[in-house]
Amino acid sequence: MGYLGFNEMKTDKKTKQFYITNIASGDILGYIVFFPQWRKYVLVSDERQKVIYDTKCLLEIVEFLNKINQERQEELKKEKGEKDVKI
């Protein structure tokens, strides 16, 4: 079991958005949003929190970003009917 929770936010935007919580305290640590300039999901820190990550937390974030970026790429392939869509 990890230290972080990834919770999808309810939004009417085309791309999904998530907030990251500390499972133990429930504090919101940051947000995962789609960054169109890079065409990828990225982590945006919550400016109100002093956030400290160790290697396990960073790995959890990387694994989650890889997962949702892959899902987004597959969605685009289905929408455009293309074999290889890069995001």
PDB file of N, CA and C in Angstrom:
ATOM      1  N   MET A   1       0.838  -1.183   0.000  1.00  0.00           N
ATOM      2  CA  MET A   1       0.000   0.000   0.000  1.00  0.00           C
ATOM      3  C   MET A   1       0.876   1.237   0.000  1.00  0.00           C
ATOM      4  N   GLY A   2       0.466   2.220  -0.755  1.00  0.00           N
ATOM      5  CA  GLY A   2       1.258   3.428  -0.884  1.00  0.00           C
ATOM      6  C   GLY A   2       0.900   4.474   0.154  1.00  0.00           C
ATOM      7  N   TYR A   3       1.509   5.598  -0.011  1.00  0.00           N
ATOM      8  CA  TYR A   3       1.311   6.731   0.885  1.00  0.00           C
ATOM      9  C   TYR A   3       0.368   7.767   0.314  1.00  0.00           C
ATOM     10  N   LEU A   4       0.127   7.681  -1.000  1.00  0.00           N
ATOM     11  CA  LEU A   4      -0.623   8.722  -1.680  1.00  0.00           C
ATOM     12  C   LEU A   4      -1.938   8.200  -2.233  1.00  0.00           C
ATOM     13  N   GLY A   5      -2.939   9.077  -2.244  1.00  0.00           N
ATOM     14  CA  GLY A   5      -4.209   8.769  -2.882  1.00  0.00           C
ATOM     15  C   GLY A   5      -4.367   9.643  -4.114  1.00  0.00           C
ATOM     16  N   PHE A   6      -4.856   9.054  -5.202  1.00  0.00           N
ATOM     17  CA  PHE A   6      -5.103   9.785  -6.440  1.00  0.00           C
ATOM     18  C   PHE A   6      -6.598   9.779  -6.678  1.00  0.00           C
ATOM     19  N   ASN A   7      -7.227  10.920  -6.524  1.00  0.00           N
ATOM     20  CA  ASN A   7      -8.680  11.020  -6.565  1.00  0.00           C
ATOM     21  C   ASN A   7      -9.121  11.888  -7.726  1.00  0.00           C
ATOM     22  N   GLU A   8      -9.973  11.318  -8.585  1.00  0.00           N
ATOM     23  CA  GLU A   8     -10.434  12.068  -9.745  1.00  0.00           C
ATOM     24  C   GLU A   8     -11.380  13.179  -9.296  1.00  0.00           C
ATOM     25  N   MET A   9     -11.173  14.353  -9.878  1.00  0.00           N
ATOM     26  CA  MET A   9     -12.022  15.505  -9.586  1.00  0.00           C
ATOM     27  C   MET A   9     -13.194  15.515 -10.557  1.00  0.00           C
ATOM     28  N   LYS A  10     -14.349  15.933 -10.091  1.00  0.00           N
ATOM     29  CA  LYS A  10     -15.496  16.086 -10.978  1.00  0.00           C
ATOM     30  C   LYS A  10     -15.327  17.404 -11.721  1.00  0.00           C
ATOM     31  N   THR A  11     -15.283  17.310 -13.031  1.00  0.00           N
ATOM     32  CA  THR A  11     -15.101  18.491 -13.862  1.00  0.00           C
ATOM     33  C   THR A  11     -15.766  18.258 -15.207  1.00  0.00           C
ATOM     34  N   ASP A  12     -16.084  19.326 -15.882  1.00  0.00           N
ATOM     35  CA  ASP A  12     -16.666  19.192 -17.209  1.00  0.00           C
ATOM     36  C   ASP A  12     -15.623  19.429 -18.304  1.00  0.00           C
ATOM     37  N   LYS A  13     -14.349  19.379 -17.936  1.00  0.00           N
ATOM     38  CA  LYS A  13     -13.272  19.524 -18.908  1.00  0.00           C
ATOM     39  C   LYS A  13     -13.110  18.231 -19.701  1.00  0.00           C
ATOM     40  N   LYS A  14     -12.497  18.338 -20.870  1.00  0.00           N
ATOM     41  CA  LYS A  14     -12.309  17.175 -21.740  1.00  0.00           C
ATOM     42  C   LYS A  14     -11.354  16.159 -21.117  1.00  0.00           C
ATOM     43  N   THR A  15     -10.314  16.638 -20.465  1.00  0.00           N
ATOM     44  CA  THR A  15      -9.336  15.740 -19.849  1.00  0.00           C
ATOM     45  C   THR A  15      -9.631  15.589 -18.363  1.00  0.00           C
ATOM     46  N   LYS A  16      -9.225  14.473 -17.825  1.00  0.00           N
ATOM     47  CA  LYS A  16      -9.435  14.198 -16.400  1.00  0.00           C
ATOM     48  C   LYS A  16      -8.500  15.064 -15.562  1.00  0.00           C
ATOM     49  N   GLN A  17      -8.905  15.296 -14.323  1.00  0.00           N
ATOM     50  CA  GLN A  17      -8.065  15.985 -13.351  1.00  0.00           C
ATOM     51  C   GLN A  17      -8.148  15.207 -12.045  1.00  0.00           C
ATOM     52  N   PHE A  18      -7.040  15.188 -11.303  1.00  0.00           N
ATOM     53  CA  PHE A  18      -6.964  14.431 -10.060  1.00  0.00           C
ATOM     54  C   PHE A  18      -6.347  15.297  -8.979  1.00  0.00           C
ATOM     55  N   TYR A  19      -6.676  15.017  -7.741  1.00  0.00           N
ATOM     56  CA  TYR A  19      -5.918  15.616  -6.655  1.00  0.00           C
ATOM     57  C   TYR A  19      -5.207  14.491  -5.909  1.00  0.00           C
ATOM     58  N   ILE A  20      -4.025  14.823  -5.408  1.00  0.00           N
ATOM     59  CA  ILE A  20      -3.195  13.860  -4.681  1.00  0.00           C
ATOM     60  C   ILE A  20      -3.333  14.155  -3.206  1.00  0.00           C
ATOM     61  N   THR A  21      -3.618  13.116  -2.431  1.00  0.00           N
ATOM     62  CA  THR A  21      -3.744  13.298  -0.982  1.00  0.00           C
ATOM     63  C   THR A  21      -2.747  12.429  -0.245  1.00  0.00           C
ATOM     64  N   ASN A  22      -2.373  12.885   0.926  1.00  0.00           N
ATOM     65  CA  ASN A  22      -1.623  12.066   1.866  1.00  0.00           C
ATOM     66  C   ASN A  22      -2.651  11.138   2.502  1.00  0.00           C
ATOM     67  N   ILE A  23      -2.491   9.837   2.322  1.00  0.00           N
ATOM     68  CA  ILE A  23      -3.492   8.893   2.821  1.00  0.00           C
ATOM     69  C   ILE A  23      -3.644   8.999   4.336  1.00  0.00           C
ATOM     70  N   ALA A  24      -2.553   9.202   5.043  1.00  0.00           N
ATOM     71  CA  ALA A  24      -2.607   9.237   6.499  1.00  0.00           C
ATOM     72  C   ALA A  24      -3.356  10.459   7.032  1.00  0.00           C
ATOM     73  N   SER A  25      -3.087  11.629   6.447  1.00  0.00           N
ATOM     74  CA  SER A  25      -3.681  12.858   6.981  1.00  0.00           C
ATOM     75  C   SER A  25      -4.877  13.357   6.178  1.00  0.00           C
ATOM     76  N   GLY A  26      -4.978  12.937   4.916  1.00  0.00           N
ATOM     77  CA  GLY A  26      -6.040  13.443   4.051  1.00  0.00           C
ATOM     78  C   GLY A  26      -5.727  14.791   3.416  1.00  0.00           C
ATOM     79  N   ASP A  27      -4.548  15.360   3.717  1.00  0.00           N
ATOM     80  CA  ASP A  27      -4.159  16.657   3.149  1.00  0.00           C
ATOM     81  C   ASP A  27      -3.979  16.550   1.643  1.00  0.00           C
ATOM     82  N   ILE A  28      -4.422  17.580   0.930  1.00  0.00           N
ATOM     83  CA  ILE A  28      -4.185  17.657  -0.507  1.00  0.00           C
ATOM     84  C   ILE A  28      -2.767  18.171  -0.729  1.00  0.00           C
ATOM     85  N   LEU A  29      -1.980  17.399  -1.480  1.00  0.00           N
ATOM     86  CA  LEU A  29      -0.581  17.740  -1.718  1.00  0.00           C
ATOM     87  C   LEU A  29      -0.369  18.431  -3.063  1.00  0.00           C
ATOM     88  N   GLY A  30      -1.232  18.141  -4.006  1.00  0.00           N
ATOM     89  CA  GLY A  30      -1.075  18.720  -5.331  1.00  0.00           C
ATOM     90  C   GLY A  30      -2.146  18.196  -6.261  1.00  0.00           C
ATOM     91  N   TYR A  31      -1.961  18.505  -7.530  1.00  0.00           N
ATOM     92  CA  TYR A  31      -2.960  18.159  -8.535  1.00  0.00           C
ATOM     93  C   TYR A  31      -2.281  17.568  -9.758  1.00  0.00           C
ATOM     94  N   ILE A  32      -2.978  16.679 -10.420  1.00  0.00           N
ATOM     95  CA  ILE A  32      -2.525  16.139 -11.694  1.00  0.00           C
ATOM     96  C   ILE A  32      -3.501  16.678 -12.736  1.00  0.00           C
ATOM     97  N   VAL A  33      -2.947  17.422 -13.688  1.00  0.00           N
ATOM     98  CA  VAL A  33      -3.761  18.028 -14.737  1.00  0.00           C
ATOM     99  C   VAL A  33      -3.081  17.799 -16.083  1.00  0.00           C
ATOM    100  N   PHE A  34      -3.868  17.924 -17.150  1.00  0.00           N
ATOM    101  CA  PHE A  34      -3.313  17.801 -18.490  1.00  0.00           C
ATOM    102  C   PHE A  34      -2.706  19.141 -18.874  1.00  0.00           C
ATOM    103  N   PHE A  35      -1.431  19.119 -19.269  1.00  0.00           N
ATOM    104  CA  PHE A  35      -0.703  20.324 -19.656  1.00  0.00           C
ATOM    105  C   PHE A  35      -0.590  20.325 -21.183  1.00  0.00           C
ATOM    106  N   PRO A  36      -1.448  21.108 -21.872  1.00  0.00           N
ATOM    107  CA  PRO A  36      -1.524  21.010 -23.325  1.00  0.00           C
ATOM    108  C   PRO A  36      -0.224  21.342 -24.060  1.00  0.00           C
ATOM    109  N   GLN A  37       0.584  22.227 -23.510  1.00  0.00           N
ATOM    110  CA  GLN A  37       1.832  22.584 -24.179  1.00  0.00           C
ATOM    111  C   GLN A  37       2.769  21.373 -24.316  1.00  0.00           C
ATOM    112  N   TRP A  38       2.732  20.468 -23.347  1.00  0.00           N
ATOM    113  CA  TRP A  38       3.569  19.264 -23.388  1.00  0.00           C
ATOM    114  C   TRP A  38       2.773  18.052 -23.846  1.00  0.00           C
ATOM    115  N   ARG A  39       1.438  18.222 -23.940  1.00  0.00           N
ATOM    116  CA  ARG A  39       0.525  17.146 -24.309  1.00  0.00           C
ATOM    117  C   ARG A  39       0.694  15.931 -23.396  1.00  0.00           C
ATOM    118  N   LYS A  40       0.794  16.212 -22.089  1.00  0.00           N
ATOM    119  CA  LYS A  40       0.939  15.177 -21.061  1.00  0.00           C
ATOM    120  C   LYS A  40       0.287  15.637 -19.769  1.00  0.00           C
ATOM    121  N   TYR A  41      -0.029  14.652 -18.937  1.00  0.00           N
ATOM    122  CA  TYR A  41      -0.449  14.963 -17.571  1.00  0.00           C
ATOM    123  C   TYR A  41       0.785  15.302 -16.751  1.00  0.00           C
ATOM    124  N   VAL A  42       0.644  16.268 -15.857  1.00  0.00           N
ATOM    125  CA  VAL A  42       1.760  16.720 -15.028  1.00  0.00           C
ATOM    126  C   VAL A  42       1.288  16.924 -13.586  1.00  0.00           C
ATOM    127  N   LEU A  43       2.239  16.979 -12.682  1.00  0.00           N
ATOM    128  CA  LEU A  43       1.981  17.270 -11.275  1.00  0.00           C
ATOM    129  C   LEU A  43       2.121  18.763 -11.042  1.00  0.00           C
ATOM    130  N   VAL A  44       1.122  19.352 -10.393  1.00  0.00           N
ATOM    131  CA  VAL A  44       1.173  20.754  -9.985  1.00  0.00           C
ATOM    132  C   VAL A  44       1.050  20.772  -8.468  1.00  0.00           C
ATOM    133  N   SER A  45       2.063  21.318  -7.796  1.00  0.00           N
ATOM    134  CA  SER A  45       2.048  21.343  -6.331  1.00  0.00           C
ATOM    135  C   SER A  45       1.000  22.308  -5.806  1.00  0.00           C
ATOM    136  N   ASP A  46       0.459  21.995  -4.649  1.00  0.00           N
ATOM    137  CA  ASP A  46      -0.459  22.902  -3.964  1.00  0.00           C
ATOM    138  C   ASP A  46       0.393  23.951  -3.254  1.00  0.00           C
ATOM    139  N   GLU A  47       0.231  25.190  -3.649  1.00  0.00           N
ATOM    140  CA  GLU A  47       1.066  26.263  -3.104  1.00  0.00           C
ATOM    141  C   GLU A  47       0.859  26.484  -1.610  1.00  0.00           C
ATOM    142  N   ARG A  48      -0.254  26.019  -1.082  1.00  0.00           N
ATOM    143  CA  ARG A  48      -0.547  26.244   0.343  1.00  0.00           C
ATOM    144  C   ARG A  48       0.160  25.242   1.244  1.00  0.00           C
ATOM    145  N   GLN A  49       0.710  24.187   0.664  1.00  0.00           N
ATOM    146  CA  GLN A  49       1.341  23.131   1.458  1.00  0.00           C
ATOM    147  C   GLN A  49       2.852  23.142   1.269  1.00  0.00           C
ATOM    148  N   LYS A  50       3.567  22.873   2.319  1.00  0.00           N
ATOM    149  CA  LYS A  50       4.989  22.579   2.203  1.00  0.00           C
ATOM    150  C   LYS A  50       5.052  21.066   1.999  1.00  0.00           C
ATOM    151  N   VAL A  51       5.400  20.666   0.794  1.00  0.00           N
ATOM    152  CA  VAL A  51       5.327  19.260   0.435  1.00  0.00           C
ATOM    153  C   VAL A  51       6.728  18.675   0.346  1.00  0.00           C
ATOM    154  N   ILE A  52       6.899  17.525   0.984  1.00  0.00           N
ATOM    155  CA  ILE A  52       8.170  16.813   0.951  1.00  0.00           C
ATOM    156  C   ILE A  52       7.892  15.411   0.434  1.00  0.00           C
ATOM    157  N   TYR A  53       8.610  14.996  -0.605  1.00  0.00           N
ATOM    158  CA  TYR A  53       8.435  13.670  -1.179  1.00  0.00           C
ATOM    159  C   TYR A  53       9.700  12.847  -0.979  1.00  0.00           C
ATOM    160  N   ASP A  54       9.528  11.580  -0.649  1.00  0.00           N
ATOM    161  CA  ASP A  54      10.668  10.676  -0.661  1.00  0.00           C
ATOM    162  C   ASP A  54      10.613   9.874  -1.958  1.00  0.00           C
ATOM    163  N   THR A  55      11.562   8.970  -2.153  1.00  0.00           N
ATOM    164  CA  THR A  55      11.633   8.240  -3.412  1.00  0.00           C
ATOM    165  C   THR A  55      10.399   7.373  -3.646  1.00  0.00           C
ATOM    166  N   LYS A  56       9.825   6.799  -2.591  1.00  0.00           N
ATOM    167  CA  LYS A  56       8.624   5.979  -2.765  1.00  0.00           C
ATOM    168  C   LYS A  56       7.452   6.826  -3.247  1.00  0.00           C
ATOM    169  N   CYS A  57       7.295   8.001  -2.671  1.00  0.00           N
ATOM    170  CA  CYS A  57       6.210   8.892  -3.101  1.00  0.00           C
ATOM    171  C   CYS A  57       6.415   9.326  -4.547  1.00  0.00           C
ATOM    172  N   LEU A  58       7.628   9.677  -4.895  1.00  0.00           N
ATOM    173  CA  LEU A  58       7.905  10.099  -6.267  1.00  0.00           C
ATOM    174  C   LEU A  58       7.658   8.964  -7.252  1.00  0.00           C
ATOM    175  N   LEU A  59       8.009   7.742  -6.877  1.00  0.00           N
ATOM    176  CA  LEU A  59       7.741   6.600  -7.749  1.00  0.00           C
ATOM    177  C   LEU A  59       6.249   6.379  -7.935  1.00  0.00           C
ATOM    178  N   GLU A  60       5.475   6.553  -6.868  1.00  0.00           N
ATOM    179  CA  GLU A  60       4.014   6.431  -6.979  1.00  0.00           C
ATOM    180  C   GLU A  60       3.467   7.462  -7.959  1.00  0.00           C
ATOM    181  N   ILE A  61       3.982   8.672  -7.884  1.00  0.00           N
ATOM    182  CA  ILE A  61       3.530   9.737  -8.785  1.00  0.00           C
ATOM    183  C   ILE A  61       3.902   9.404 -10.225  1.00  0.00           C
ATOM    184  N   VAL A  62       5.130   8.959 -10.440  1.00  0.00           N
ATOM    185  CA  VAL A  62       5.576   8.601 -11.786  1.00  0.00           C
ATOM    186  C   VAL A  62       4.736   7.463 -12.346  1.00  0.00           C
ATOM    187  N   GLU A  63       4.477   6.444 -11.549  1.00  0.00           N
ATOM    188  CA  GLU A  63       3.668   5.319 -12.014  1.00  0.00           C
ATOM    189  C   GLU A  63       2.259   5.775 -12.385  1.00  0.00           C
ATOM    190  N   PHE A  64       1.678   6.646 -11.579  1.00  0.00           N
ATOM    191  CA  PHE A  64       0.331   7.139 -11.868  1.00  0.00           C
ATOM    192  C   PHE A  64       0.336   7.990 -13.135  1.00  0.00           C
ATOM    193  N   LEU A  65       1.320   8.885 -13.284  1.00  0.00           N
ATOM    194  CA  LEU A  65       1.405   9.706 -14.488  1.00  0.00           C
ATOM    195  C   LEU A  65       1.569   8.837 -15.734  1.00  0.00           C
ATOM    196  N   ASN A  66       2.426   7.826 -15.663  1.00  0.00           N
ATOM    197  CA  ASN A  66       2.601   6.920 -16.800  1.00  0.00           C
ATOM    198  C   ASN A  66       1.289   6.239 -17.169  1.00  0.00           C
ATOM    199  N   LYS A  67       0.557   5.815 -16.159  1.00  0.00           N
ATOM    200  CA  LYS A  67      -0.713   5.122 -16.392  1.00  0.00           C
ATOM    201  C   LYS A  67      -1.721   6.038 -17.086  1.00  0.00           C
ATOM    202  N   ILE A  68      -1.922   7.244 -16.566  1.00  0.00           N
ATOM    203  CA  ILE A  68      -2.954   8.101 -17.161  1.00  0.00           C
ATOM    204  C   ILE A  68      -2.513   8.691 -18.492  1.00  0.00           C
ATOM    205  N   ASN A  69      -1.209   8.897 -18.690  1.00  0.00           N
ATOM    206  CA  ASN A  69      -0.740   9.349 -19.999  1.00  0.00           C
ATOM    207  C   ASN A  69      -0.961   8.260 -21.048  1.00  0.00           C
ATOM    208  N   GLN A  70      -0.747   7.010 -20.692  1.00  0.00           N
ATOM    209  CA  GLN A  70      -1.008   5.892 -21.595  1.00  0.00           C
ATOM    210  C   GLN A  70      -2.503   5.798 -21.902  1.00  0.00           C
ATOM    211  N   GLU A  71      -3.351   5.952 -20.887  1.00  0.00           N
ATOM    212  CA  GLU A  71      -4.801   5.923 -21.097  1.00  0.00           C
ATOM    213  C   GLU A  71      -5.237   7.036 -22.043  1.00  0.00           C
ATOM    214  N   ARG A  72      -4.660   8.223 -21.874  1.00  0.00           N
ATOM    215  CA  ARG A  72      -4.998   9.357 -22.734  1.00  0.00           C
ATOM    216  C   ARG A  72      -4.589   9.067 -24.180  1.00  0.00           C
ATOM    217  N   GLN A  73      -3.410   8.492 -24.354  1.00  0.00           N
ATOM    218  CA  GLN A  73      -2.938   8.158 -25.694  1.00  0.00           C
ATOM    219  C   GLN A  73      -3.882   7.157 -26.355  1.00  0.00           C
ATOM    220  N   GLU A  74      -4.351   6.175 -25.609  1.00  0.00           N
ATOM    221  CA  GLU A  74      -5.283   5.184 -26.149  1.00  0.00           C
ATOM    222  C   GLU A  74      -6.626   5.823 -26.497  1.00  0.00           C
ATOM    223  N   GLU A  75      -7.092   6.767 -25.677  1.00  0.00           N
ATOM    224  CA  GLU A  75      -8.337   7.487 -25.980  1.00  0.00           C
ATOM    225  C   GLU A  75      -8.216   8.265 -27.287  1.00  0.00           C
ATOM    226  N   LEU A  76      -7.077   8.927 -27.471  1.00  0.00           N
ATOM    227  CA  LEU A  76      -6.868   9.695 -28.699  1.00  0.00           C
ATOM    228  C   LEU A  76      -6.836   8.785 -29.919  1.00  0.00           C
ATOM    229  N   LYS A  77      -6.216   7.625 -29.784  1.00  0.00           N
ATOM    230  CA  LYS A  77      -6.180   6.668 -30.885  1.00  0.00           C
ATOM    231  C   LYS A  77      -7.592   6.266 -31.285  1.00  0.00           C
ATOM    232  N   LYS A  78      -8.444   5.995 -30.304  1.00  0.00           N
ATOM    233  CA  LYS A  78      -9.826   5.602 -30.583  1.00  0.00           C
ATOM    234  C   LYS A  78     -10.594   6.747 -31.241  1.00  0.00           C
ATOM    235  N   GLU A  79     -10.403   7.968 -30.726  1.00  0.00           N
ATOM    236  CA  GLU A  79     -11.112   9.125 -31.266  1.00  0.00           C
ATOM    237  C   GLU A  79     -10.718   9.406 -32.709  1.00  0.00           C
ATOM    238  N   LYS A  80      -9.436   9.284 -33.002  1.00  0.00           N
ATOM    239  CA  LYS A  80      -8.943   9.643 -34.326  1.00  0.00           C
ATOM    240  C   LYS A  80      -8.832   8.434 -35.249  1.00  0.00           C
ATOM    241  N   GLY A  81      -8.988   7.242 -34.710  1.00  0.00           N
ATOM    242  CA  GLY A  81      -8.891   6.051 -35.520  1.00  0.00           C
ATOM    243  C   GLY A  81      -7.499   5.822 -36.088  1.00  0.00           C
ATOM    244  N   GLU A  82      -6.491   6.326 -35.383  1.00  0.00           N
ATOM    245  CA  GLU A  82      -5.110   6.195 -35.844  1.00  0.00           C
ATOM    246  C   GLU A  82      -4.409   5.102 -35.069  1.00  0.00           C
ATOM    247  N   LYS A  83      -3.346   4.593 -35.667  1.00  0.00           N
ATOM    248  CA  LYS A  83      -2.597   3.520 -35.029  1.00  0.00           C
ATOM    249  C   LYS A  83      -1.616   4.046 -33.985  1.00  0.00           C
ATOM    250  N   ASP A  84      -0.974   5.175 -34.264  1.00  0.00           N
ATOM    251  CA  ASP A  84       0.055   5.668 -33.351  1.00  0.00           C
ATOM    252  C   ASP A  84      -0.099   7.175 -33.154  1.00  0.00           C
ATOM    253  N   VAL A  85      -0.651   7.559 -32.011  1.00  0.00           N
ATOM    254  CA  VAL A  85      -0.837   8.970 -31.682  1.00  0.00           C
ATOM    255  C   VAL A  85       0.098   9.284 -30.530  1.00  0.00           C
ATOM    256  N   LYS A  86       0.945  10.281 -30.698  1.00  0.00           N
ATOM    257  CA  LYS A  86       1.890  10.686 -29.660  1.00  0.00           C
ATOM    258  C   LYS A  86       1.301  11.831 -28.863  1.00  0.00           C
ATOM    259  N   ILE A  87       1.412  11.746 -27.520  1.00  0.00           N
ATOM    260  CA  ILE A  87       1.009  12.873 -26.683  1.00  0.00           C
ATOM    261  C   ILE A  87       2.220  13.379 -25.938  1.00  0.00           C
TER     262      ILE A  87
END
